[in-house]
């Protein structure tokens, strides 16, 4: 478990790194473009939220805890999240495609976020989306031969792993604060939310998942595995008496 000052230092240092060679030509075939374009536009849009609702929720939450670094750390997290949206946006510019302003899946998730004023609920939602994003960018990397796009996928995947760990540690705090008899109910509510959200993401980006050799059954099994290795560990800690 890392404290917020350690995560603050991590995000600060990571913001100085540039791991993508933007001098590479965007070599993408017409068939690849047809497969990935709508998903890439939607992912670019989804990562460009200004974070105002999240920061409002964070300030309310931070007022209840003794953690002076948490607000600043969350601001850096949001900046890195925006960077992940900026990179696909730059790629869209390079291949002469437009950045969209509206998408049904993005609109749905933004509505859910605006209705949610719970730090726990927000953290759960972002862990779920980022777990699916890992599988999306792995599929996208496998589906394209474009060196530039593959570098973008590699960079985002490296960032997502750290983001998930950062968020999971906060979920552990929330879960451990719950009464022992209530934890099982919360665990299954997390699982239900995770599964429903992952199905929506499949419907939105199934062309890319399939191009990356992740049909629905494979996708579903991998997502359940990702749940078990993150949120599923919360319940295991309770069973083994570690929480």
C-alpha atoms as a PDB file:
ATOM      1  CA  UNK A   1       0.000   0.000   0.000  1.00  0.00           C
ATOM      2  CA  UNK A   2       1.416   3.370  -1.060  1.00  0.00           C
ATOM      3  CA  UNK A   3       0.476   6.647   0.567  1.00  0.00           C
ATOM      4  CA  UNK A   4      -0.690   9.647  -1.465  1.00  0.00           C
ATOM      5  CA  UNK A   5       2.685  11.396  -1.307  1.00  0.00           C
ATOM      6  CA  UNK A   6       4.290   8.395  -3.049  1.00  0.00           C
ATOM      7  CA  UNK A   7       1.631   8.431  -5.763  1.00  0.00           C
ATOM      8  CA  UNK A   8       2.039  12.189  -6.109  1.00  0.00           C
ATOM      9  CA  UNK A   9       5.753  11.732  -6.752  1.00  0.00           C
ATOM     10  CA  UNK A  10       5.064   8.914  -9.213  1.00  0.00           C
ATOM     11  CA  UNK A  11       2.591  10.947 -11.282  1.00  0.00           C
ATOM     12  CA  UNK A  12       4.840  14.006 -11.172  1.00  0.00           C
ATOM     13  CA  UNK A  13       7.839  12.047 -12.457  1.00  0.00           C
ATOM     14  CA  UNK A  14       5.775  10.185 -15.048  1.00  0.00           C
ATOM     15  CA  UNK A  15       4.468  13.463 -16.479  1.00  0.00           C
ATOM     16  CA  UNK A  16       8.011  14.319 -17.598  1.00  0.00           C
ATOM     17  CA  UNK A  17       8.453  11.188 -19.707  1.00  0.00           C
ATOM     18  CA  UNK A  18       7.761  11.039 -23.442  1.00  0.00           C
ATOM     19  CA  UNK A  19       7.807   7.449 -24.681  1.00  0.00           C
ATOM     20  CA  UNK A  20       6.210   7.883 -28.109  1.00  0.00           C
ATOM     21  CA  UNK A  21       8.194   8.690 -31.238  1.00  0.00           C
ATOM     22  CA  UNK A  22       5.844  11.092 -33.006  1.00  0.00           C
ATOM     23  CA  UNK A  23       8.219  11.216 -35.962  1.00  0.00           C
ATOM     24  CA  UNK A  24       6.943   7.795 -37.009  1.00  0.00           C
ATOM     25  CA  UNK A  25       4.589   7.830 -39.980  1.00  0.00           C
ATOM     26  CA  UNK A  26       0.991   6.747 -39.248  1.00  0.00           C
ATOM     27  CA  UNK A  27       0.975   3.696 -41.527  1.00  0.00           C
ATOM     28  CA  UNK A  28      -2.561   2.365 -41.301  1.00  0.00           C
ATOM     29  CA  UNK A  29      -4.391   0.324 -43.927  1.00  0.00           C
ATOM     30  CA  UNK A  30      -7.910   1.096 -45.074  1.00  0.00           C
ATOM     31  CA  UNK A  31      -9.225  -2.115 -43.498  1.00  0.00           C
ATOM     32  CA  UNK A  32      -7.597  -1.287 -40.151  1.00  0.00           C
ATOM     33  CA  UNK A  33      -8.984   2.231 -40.331  1.00  0.00           C
ATOM     34  CA  UNK A  34     -12.485   0.869 -40.882  1.00  0.00           C
ATOM     35  CA  UNK A  35     -12.153  -1.438 -37.885  1.00  0.00           C
ATOM     36  CA  UNK A  36     -10.691   0.942 -35.325  1.00  0.00           C
ATOM     37  CA  UNK A  37     -11.803   4.460 -36.288  1.00  0.00           C
ATOM     38  CA  UNK A  38     -15.082   4.766 -34.386  1.00  0.00           C
ATOM     39  CA  UNK A  39     -13.597   3.170 -31.257  1.00  0.00           C
ATOM     40  CA  UNK A  40     -10.501   5.345 -31.345  1.00  0.00           C
ATOM     41  CA  UNK A  41     -12.669   8.455 -31.654  1.00  0.00           C
ATOM     42  CA  UNK A  42     -14.845   7.325 -28.729  1.00  0.00           C
ATOM     43  CA  UNK A  43     -11.837   6.516 -26.512  1.00  0.00           C
ATOM     44  CA  UNK A  44     -10.253   9.878 -27.307  1.00  0.00           C
ATOM     45  CA  UNK A  45     -13.477  11.637 -26.335  1.00  0.00           C
ATOM     46  CA  UNK A  46     -13.932   9.599 -23.171  1.00  0.00           C
ATOM     47  CA  UNK A  47     -10.528  10.534 -21.752  1.00  0.00           C
ATOM     48  CA  UNK A  48     -10.963  14.288 -22.260  1.00  0.00           C
ATOM     49  CA  UNK A  49     -13.298  15.000 -19.339  1.00  0.00           C
ATOM     50  CA  UNK A  50     -12.337  18.180 -17.494  1.00  0.00           C
ATOM     51  CA  UNK A  51     -12.569  16.362 -14.158  1.00  0.00           C
ATOM     52  CA  UNK A  52     -14.630  19.066 -12.419  1.00  0.00           C
ATOM     53  CA  UNK A  53     -17.149  16.629 -10.975  1.00  0.00           C
ATOM     54  CA  UNK A  54     -14.376  14.316  -9.811  1.00  0.00           C
ATOM     55  CA  UNK A  55     -12.463  17.124  -8.116  1.00  0.00           C
ATOM     56  CA  UNK A  56     -15.658  18.314  -6.385  1.00  0.00           C
ATOM     57  CA  UNK A  57     -16.196  14.772  -5.085  1.00  0.00           C
ATOM     58  CA  UNK A  58     -12.523  14.499  -4.110  1.00  0.00           C
ATOM     59  CA  UNK A  59     -12.628  17.710  -2.067  1.00  0.00           C
ATOM     60  CA  UNK A  60     -15.704  16.507  -0.189  1.00  0.00           C
ATOM     61  CA  UNK A  61     -14.052  13.177   0.490  1.00  0.00           C
ATOM     62  CA  UNK A  62     -10.700  14.672   1.496  1.00  0.00           C
ATOM     63  CA  UNK A  63     -12.447  16.828   4.103  1.00  0.00           C
ATOM     64  CA  UNK A  64     -13.274  13.596   5.955  1.00  0.00           C
ATOM     65  CA  UNK A  65      -9.742  12.144   5.994  1.00  0.00           C
ATOM     66  CA  UNK A  66      -6.270  13.220   7.035  1.00  0.00           C
ATOM     67  CA  UNK A  67      -4.450  13.084   3.718  1.00  0.00           C
ATOM     68  CA  UNK A  68      -3.138  16.462   2.532  1.00  0.00           C
ATOM     69  CA  UNK A  69      -1.611  14.981  -0.641  1.00  0.00           C
ATOM     70  CA  UNK A  70      -4.772  13.311  -1.947  1.00  0.00           C
ATOM     71  CA  UNK A  71      -6.251  16.342  -3.755  1.00  0.00           C
ATOM     72  CA  UNK A  72      -2.977  17.215  -5.481  1.00  0.00           C
ATOM     73  CA  UNK A  73      -2.421  13.567  -6.370  1.00  0.00           C
ATOM     74  CA  UNK A  74      -5.877  13.315  -7.917  1.00  0.00           C
ATOM     75  CA  UNK A  75      -5.240  16.436  -9.986  1.00  0.00           C
ATOM     76  CA  UNK A  76      -2.093  14.813 -11.397  1.00  0.00           C
ATOM     77  CA  UNK A  77      -4.047  11.612 -12.042  1.00  0.00           C
ATOM     78  CA  UNK A  78      -6.619  13.579 -14.051  1.00  0.00           C
ATOM     79  CA  UNK A  79      -3.860  15.254 -16.063  1.00  0.00           C
ATOM     80  CA  UNK A  80      -2.373  11.874 -16.941  1.00  0.00           C
ATOM     81  CA  UNK A  81      -5.829  10.580 -17.836  1.00  0.00           C
ATOM     82  CA  UNK A  82      -6.246  13.525 -20.215  1.00  0.00           C
ATOM     83  CA  UNK A  83      -2.856  12.702 -21.723  1.00  0.00           C
ATOM     84  CA  UNK A  84      -4.151   9.231 -22.533  1.00  0.00           C
ATOM     85  CA  UNK A  85      -6.980  10.858 -24.463  1.00  0.00           C
ATOM     86  CA  UNK A  86      -4.690  13.384 -26.126  1.00  0.00           C
ATOM     87  CA  UNK A  87      -2.488  10.701 -27.686  1.00  0.00           C
ATOM     88  CA  UNK A  88      -5.265   8.974 -29.706  1.00  0.00           C
ATOM     89  CA  UNK A  89      -6.467  12.477 -30.603  1.00  0.00           C
ATOM     90  CA  UNK A  90      -3.079  13.366 -32.068  1.00  0.00           C
ATOM     91  CA  UNK A  91      -3.144  10.094 -33.994  1.00  0.00           C
ATOM     92  CA  UNK A  92      -6.559  10.935 -35.419  1.00  0.00           C
ATOM     93  CA  UNK A  93      -5.134  14.289 -36.521  1.00  0.00           C
ATOM     94  CA  UNK A  94      -2.187  12.555 -38.164  1.00  0.00           C
ATOM     95  CA  UNK A  95      -4.409  10.269 -40.242  1.00  0.00           C
ATOM     96  CA  UNK A  96      -6.756  13.113 -41.184  1.00  0.00           C
ATOM     97  CA  UNK A  97      -9.788  11.997 -39.171  1.00  0.00           C
ATOM     98  CA  UNK A  98     -11.992  14.219 -37.014  1.00  0.00           C
ATOM     99  CA  UNK A  99     -12.229  14.220 -33.240  1.00  0.00           C
ATOM    100  CA  UNK A 100     -15.861  13.635 -32.374  1.00  0.00           C
ATOM    101  CA  UNK A 101     -17.734  15.648 -29.745  1.00  0.00           C
ATOM    102  CA  UNK A 102     -20.571  13.240 -28.986  1.00  0.00           C
ATOM    103  CA  UNK A 103     -20.866   9.462 -28.568  1.00  0.00           C
ATOM    104  CA  UNK A 104     -23.679   7.475 -26.957  1.00  0.00           C
ATOM    105  CA  UNK A 105     -21.386   5.395 -24.756  1.00  0.00           C
ATOM    106  CA  UNK A 106     -19.429   8.432 -23.591  1.00  0.00           C
ATOM    107  CA  UNK A 107     -22.673  10.329 -22.927  1.00  0.00           C
ATOM    108  CA  UNK A 108     -23.951   7.416 -20.823  1.00  0.00           C
ATOM    109  CA  UNK A 109     -20.810   7.257 -18.695  1.00  0.00           C
ATOM    110  CA  UNK A 110     -20.678  11.026 -18.279  1.00  0.00           C
ATOM    111  CA  UNK A 111     -24.300  11.009 -17.084  1.00  0.00           C
ATOM    112  CA  UNK A 112     -23.497   8.295 -14.546  1.00  0.00           C
ATOM    113  CA  UNK A 113     -20.459  10.237 -13.342  1.00  0.00           C
ATOM    114  CA  UNK A 114     -22.457  13.450 -12.910  1.00  0.00           C
ATOM    115  CA  UNK A 115     -25.137  11.637 -10.926  1.00  0.00           C
ATOM    116  CA  UNK A 116     -22.514  10.068  -8.705  1.00  0.00           C
ATOM    117  CA  UNK A 117     -21.178  12.079  -5.766  1.00  0.00           C
ATOM    118  CA  UNK A 118     -19.533   9.139  -4.012  1.00  0.00           C
ATOM    119  CA  UNK A 119     -15.749   8.735  -4.076  1.00  0.00           C
ATOM    120  CA  UNK A 120     -16.207   4.989  -3.721  1.00  0.00           C
ATOM    121  CA  UNK A 121     -18.666   4.828  -6.619  1.00  0.00           C
ATOM    122  CA  UNK A 122     -16.432   6.917  -8.827  1.00  0.00           C
ATOM    123  CA  UNK A 123     -13.387   4.778  -8.007  1.00  0.00           C
ATOM    124  CA  UNK A 124     -15.305   1.583  -8.760  1.00  0.00           C
ATOM    125  CA  UNK A 125     -16.463   2.964 -12.121  1.00  0.00           C
ATOM    126  CA  UNK A 126     -13.002   4.039 -13.228  1.00  0.00           C
ATOM    127  CA  UNK A 127     -11.368   0.751 -12.185  1.00  0.00           C
ATOM    128  CA  UNK A 128     -13.949  -1.061 -14.294  1.00  0.00           C
ATOM    129  CA  UNK A 129     -13.456   1.145 -17.345  1.00  0.00           C
ATOM    130  CA  UNK A 130      -9.680   0.992 -17.060  1.00  0.00           C
ATOM    131  CA  UNK A 131      -9.716  -2.793 -16.803  1.00  0.00           C
ATOM    132  CA  UNK A 132     -11.677  -2.887 -20.067  1.00  0.00           C
ATOM    133  CA  UNK A 133      -9.350  -0.254 -21.546  1.00  0.00           C
ATOM    134  CA  UNK A 134      -6.407  -2.575 -20.911  1.00  0.00           C
ATOM    135  CA  UNK A 135      -8.047  -5.274 -22.983  1.00  0.00           C
ATOM    136  CA  UNK A 136      -9.079  -2.723 -25.622  1.00  0.00           C
ATOM    137  CA  UNK A 137      -5.549  -1.379 -26.146  1.00  0.00           C
ATOM    138  CA  UNK A 138      -4.094  -4.895 -26.096  1.00  0.00           C
ATOM    139  CA  UNK A 139      -6.600  -5.827 -28.810  1.00  0.00           C
ATOM    140  CA  UNK A 140      -5.908  -2.636 -30.761  1.00  0.00           C
ATOM    141  CA  UNK A 141      -2.160  -3.242 -30.622  1.00  0.00           C
ATOM    142  CA  UNK A 142      -2.670  -6.741 -31.960  1.00  0.00           C
ATOM    143  CA  UNK A 143      -5.105  -5.546 -34.640  1.00  0.00           C
ATOM    144  CA  UNK A 144      -2.794  -2.978 -36.258  1.00  0.00           C
ATOM    145  CA  UNK A 145       0.587  -3.043 -37.988  1.00  0.00           C
ATOM    146  CA  UNK A 146       1.070   0.714 -37.605  1.00  0.00           C
ATOM    147  CA  UNK A 147       4.268   1.296 -35.519  1.00  0.00           C
ATOM    148  CA  UNK A 148       3.054   4.674 -34.235  1.00  0.00           C
ATOM    149  CA  UNK A 149      -0.318   3.354 -33.098  1.00  0.00           C
ATOM    150  CA  UNK A 150       1.358   0.370 -31.454  1.00  0.00           C
ATOM    151  CA  UNK A 151       3.652   2.727 -29.502  1.00  0.00           C
ATOM    152  CA  UNK A 152       0.607   4.693 -28.345  1.00  0.00           C
ATOM    153  CA  UNK A 153      -1.027   1.464 -27.150  1.00  0.00           C
ATOM    154  CA  UNK A 154       2.126   0.408 -25.301  1.00  0.00           C
ATOM    155  CA  UNK A 155       2.415   3.757 -23.528  1.00  0.00           C
ATOM    156  CA  UNK A 156      -1.236   3.829 -22.495  1.00  0.00           C
ATOM    157  CA  UNK A 157      -1.106   0.223 -21.267  1.00  0.00           C
ATOM    158  CA  UNK A 158       1.864   1.070 -19.036  1.00  0.00           C
ATOM    159  CA  UNK A 159      -0.052   3.992 -17.576  1.00  0.00           C
ATOM    160  CA  UNK A 160      -3.268   2.037 -17.055  1.00  0.00           C
ATOM    161  CA  UNK A 161      -1.512  -0.566 -14.905  1.00  0.00           C
ATOM    162  CA  UNK A 162      -0.361   2.134 -12.481  1.00  0.00           C
ATOM    163  CA  UNK A 163      -3.744   3.885 -12.548  1.00  0.00           C
ATOM    164  CA  UNK A 164      -5.540   0.683 -11.591  1.00  0.00           C
ATOM    165  CA  UNK A 165      -3.161   0.044  -8.689  1.00  0.00           C
ATOM    166  CA  UNK A 166      -3.637   3.624  -7.461  1.00  0.00           C
ATOM    167  CA  UNK A 167      -7.429   3.275  -7.558  1.00  0.00           C
ATOM    168  CA  UNK A 168      -7.472  -0.245  -6.120  1.00  0.00           C
ATOM    169  CA  UNK A 169      -5.546   0.862  -3.054  1.00  0.00           C
ATOM    170  CA  UNK A 170      -8.231   3.482  -2.419  1.00  0.00           C
ATOM    171  CA  UNK A 171     -10.967   0.842  -2.875  1.00  0.00           C
ATOM    172  CA  UNK A 172      -9.216  -1.254  -0.231  1.00  0.00           C
ATOM    173  CA  UNK A 173      -9.556   1.676   2.169  1.00  0.00           C
ATOM    174  CA  UNK A 174     -13.292   1.984   1.436  1.00  0.00           C
ATOM    175  CA  UNK A 175     -13.872  -1.761   1.760  1.00  0.00           C
ATOM    176  CA  UNK A 176     -11.980  -2.141   5.021  1.00  0.00           C
ATOM    177  CA  UNK A 177     -14.087   0.611   6.590  1.00  0.00           C
ATOM    178  CA  UNK A 178     -17.279  -1.392   6.043  1.00  0.00           C
ATOM    179  CA  UNK A 179     -18.753  -3.648   8.680  1.00  0.00           C
ATOM    180  CA  UNK A 180     -17.681  -7.246   8.161  1.00  0.00           C
ATOM    181  CA  UNK A 181     -21.240  -8.562   7.698  1.00  0.00           C
ATOM    182  CA  UNK A 182     -21.911  -6.006   4.942  1.00  0.00           C
ATOM    183  CA  UNK A 183     -18.816  -6.654   2.866  1.00  0.00           C
ATOM    184  CA  UNK A 184     -20.222  -9.635   0.974  1.00  0.00           C
ATOM    185  CA  UNK A 185     -23.157  -7.553  -0.244  1.00  0.00           C
ATOM    186  CA  UNK A 186     -20.879  -4.768  -1.394  1.00  0.00           C
ATOM    187  CA  UNK A 187     -18.619  -7.291  -3.131  1.00  0.00           C
ATOM    188  CA  UNK A 188     -21.490  -8.671  -5.211  1.00  0.00           C
ATOM    189  CA  UNK A 189     -22.686  -5.171  -6.058  1.00  0.00           C
ATOM    190  CA  UNK A 190     -19.179  -4.432  -7.367  1.00  0.00           C
ATOM    191  CA  UNK A 191     -19.298  -7.625  -9.447  1.00  0.00           C
ATOM    192  CA  UNK A 192     -22.710  -6.775 -10.905  1.00  0.00           C
ATOM    193  CA  UNK A 193     -21.610  -3.266 -11.830  1.00  0.00           C
ATOM    194  CA  UNK A 194     -18.370  -4.589 -13.331  1.00  0.00           C
ATOM    195  CA  UNK A 195     -20.157  -7.153 -15.489  1.00  0.00           C
ATOM    196  CA  UNK A 196     -22.877  -4.789 -16.720  1.00  0.00           C
ATOM    197  CA  UNK A 197     -20.353  -2.086 -17.583  1.00  0.00           C
ATOM    198  CA  UNK A 198     -18.051  -4.529 -19.356  1.00  0.00           C
ATOM    199  CA  UNK A 199     -20.962  -5.701 -21.537  1.00  0.00           C
ATOM    200  CA  UNK A 200     -21.729  -2.112 -22.557  1.00  0.00           C
ATOM    201  CA  UNK A 201     -18.071  -1.610 -23.444  1.00  0.00           C
ATOM    202  CA  UNK A 202     -18.122  -4.800 -25.526  1.00  0.00           C
ATOM    203  CA  UNK A 203     -21.109  -3.549 -27.509  1.00  0.00           C
ATOM    204  CA  UNK A 204     -19.352  -0.248 -28.169  1.00  0.00           C
ATOM    205  CA  UNK A 205     -15.951  -1.619 -29.193  1.00  0.00           C
ATOM    206  CA  UNK A 206     -16.592  -5.216 -30.304  1.00  0.00           C
ATOM    207  CA  UNK A 207     -14.998  -4.682 -33.741  1.00  0.00           C
ATOM    208  CA  UNK A 208     -11.649  -3.887 -32.159  1.00  0.00           C
ATOM    209  CA  UNK A 209     -11.890  -6.681 -29.576  1.00  0.00           C
ATOM    210  CA  UNK A 210     -12.660  -9.191 -32.321  1.00  0.00           C
ATOM    211  CA  UNK A 211      -9.832  -7.878 -34.504  1.00  0.00           C
ATOM    212  CA  UNK A 212      -7.523  -8.483 -31.548  1.00  0.00           C
ATOM    213  CA  UNK A 213      -8.750 -12.103 -31.311  1.00  0.00           C
ATOM    214  CA  UNK A 214     -11.046 -11.462 -28.357  1.00  0.00           C
ATOM    215  CA  UNK A 215     -14.503 -12.698 -29.265  1.00  0.00           C
ATOM    216  CA  UNK A 216     -17.285 -12.222 -26.741  1.00  0.00           C
ATOM    217  CA  UNK A 217     -16.637 -15.450 -24.787  1.00  0.00           C
ATOM    218  CA  UNK A 218     -12.890 -14.770 -24.631  1.00  0.00           C
ATOM    219  CA  UNK A 219     -13.527 -11.131 -23.714  1.00  0.00           C
ATOM    220  CA  UNK A 220     -15.968 -12.120 -20.965  1.00  0.00           C
ATOM    221  CA  UNK A 221     -13.576 -14.675 -19.460  1.00  0.00           C
ATOM    222  CA  UNK A 222     -10.676 -12.221 -19.519  1.00  0.00           C
ATOM    223  CA  UNK A 223     -12.763  -9.502 -17.878  1.00  0.00           C
ATOM    224  CA  UNK A 224     -13.864 -11.869 -15.107  1.00  0.00           C
ATOM    225  CA  UNK A 225     -10.201 -12.691 -14.595  1.00  0.00           C
ATOM    226  CA  UNK A 226      -9.378  -8.985 -14.375  1.00  0.00           C
ATOM    227  CA  UNK A 227     -12.138  -8.536 -11.787  1.00  0.00           C
ATOM    228  CA  UNK A 228     -10.746 -11.425  -9.734  1.00  0.00           C
ATOM    229  CA  UNK A 229      -7.251  -9.891  -9.758  1.00  0.00           C
ATOM    230  CA  UNK A 230      -8.461  -6.485  -8.599  1.00  0.00           C
ATOM    231  CA  UNK A 231     -11.836  -6.056  -6.906  1.00  0.00           C
ATOM    232  CA  UNK A 232     -12.071  -9.785  -6.259  1.00  0.00           C
ATOM    233  CA  UNK A 233      -9.057  -9.479  -3.979  1.00  0.00           C
ATOM    234  CA  UNK A 234     -11.116  -7.337  -1.605  1.00  0.00           C
ATOM    235  CA  UNK A 235     -13.425 -10.243  -0.801  1.00  0.00           C
ATOM    236  CA  UNK A 236     -10.504 -12.691  -0.584  1.00  0.00           C
ATOM    237  CA  UNK A 237      -8.814 -10.446   1.996  1.00  0.00           C
ATOM    238  CA  UNK A 238     -12.011 -10.603   4.098  1.00  0.00           C
ATOM    239  CA  UNK A 239     -12.212 -14.391   3.838  1.00  0.00           C
ATOM    240  CA  UNK A 240      -8.586 -14.859   4.849  1.00  0.00           C
ATOM    241  CA  UNK A 241      -8.838 -12.287   7.619  1.00  0.00           C
ATOM    242  CA  UNK A 242      -6.378  -9.842   6.059  1.00  0.00           C
ATOM    243  CA  UNK A 243      -8.841  -6.944   5.731  1.00  0.00           C
END
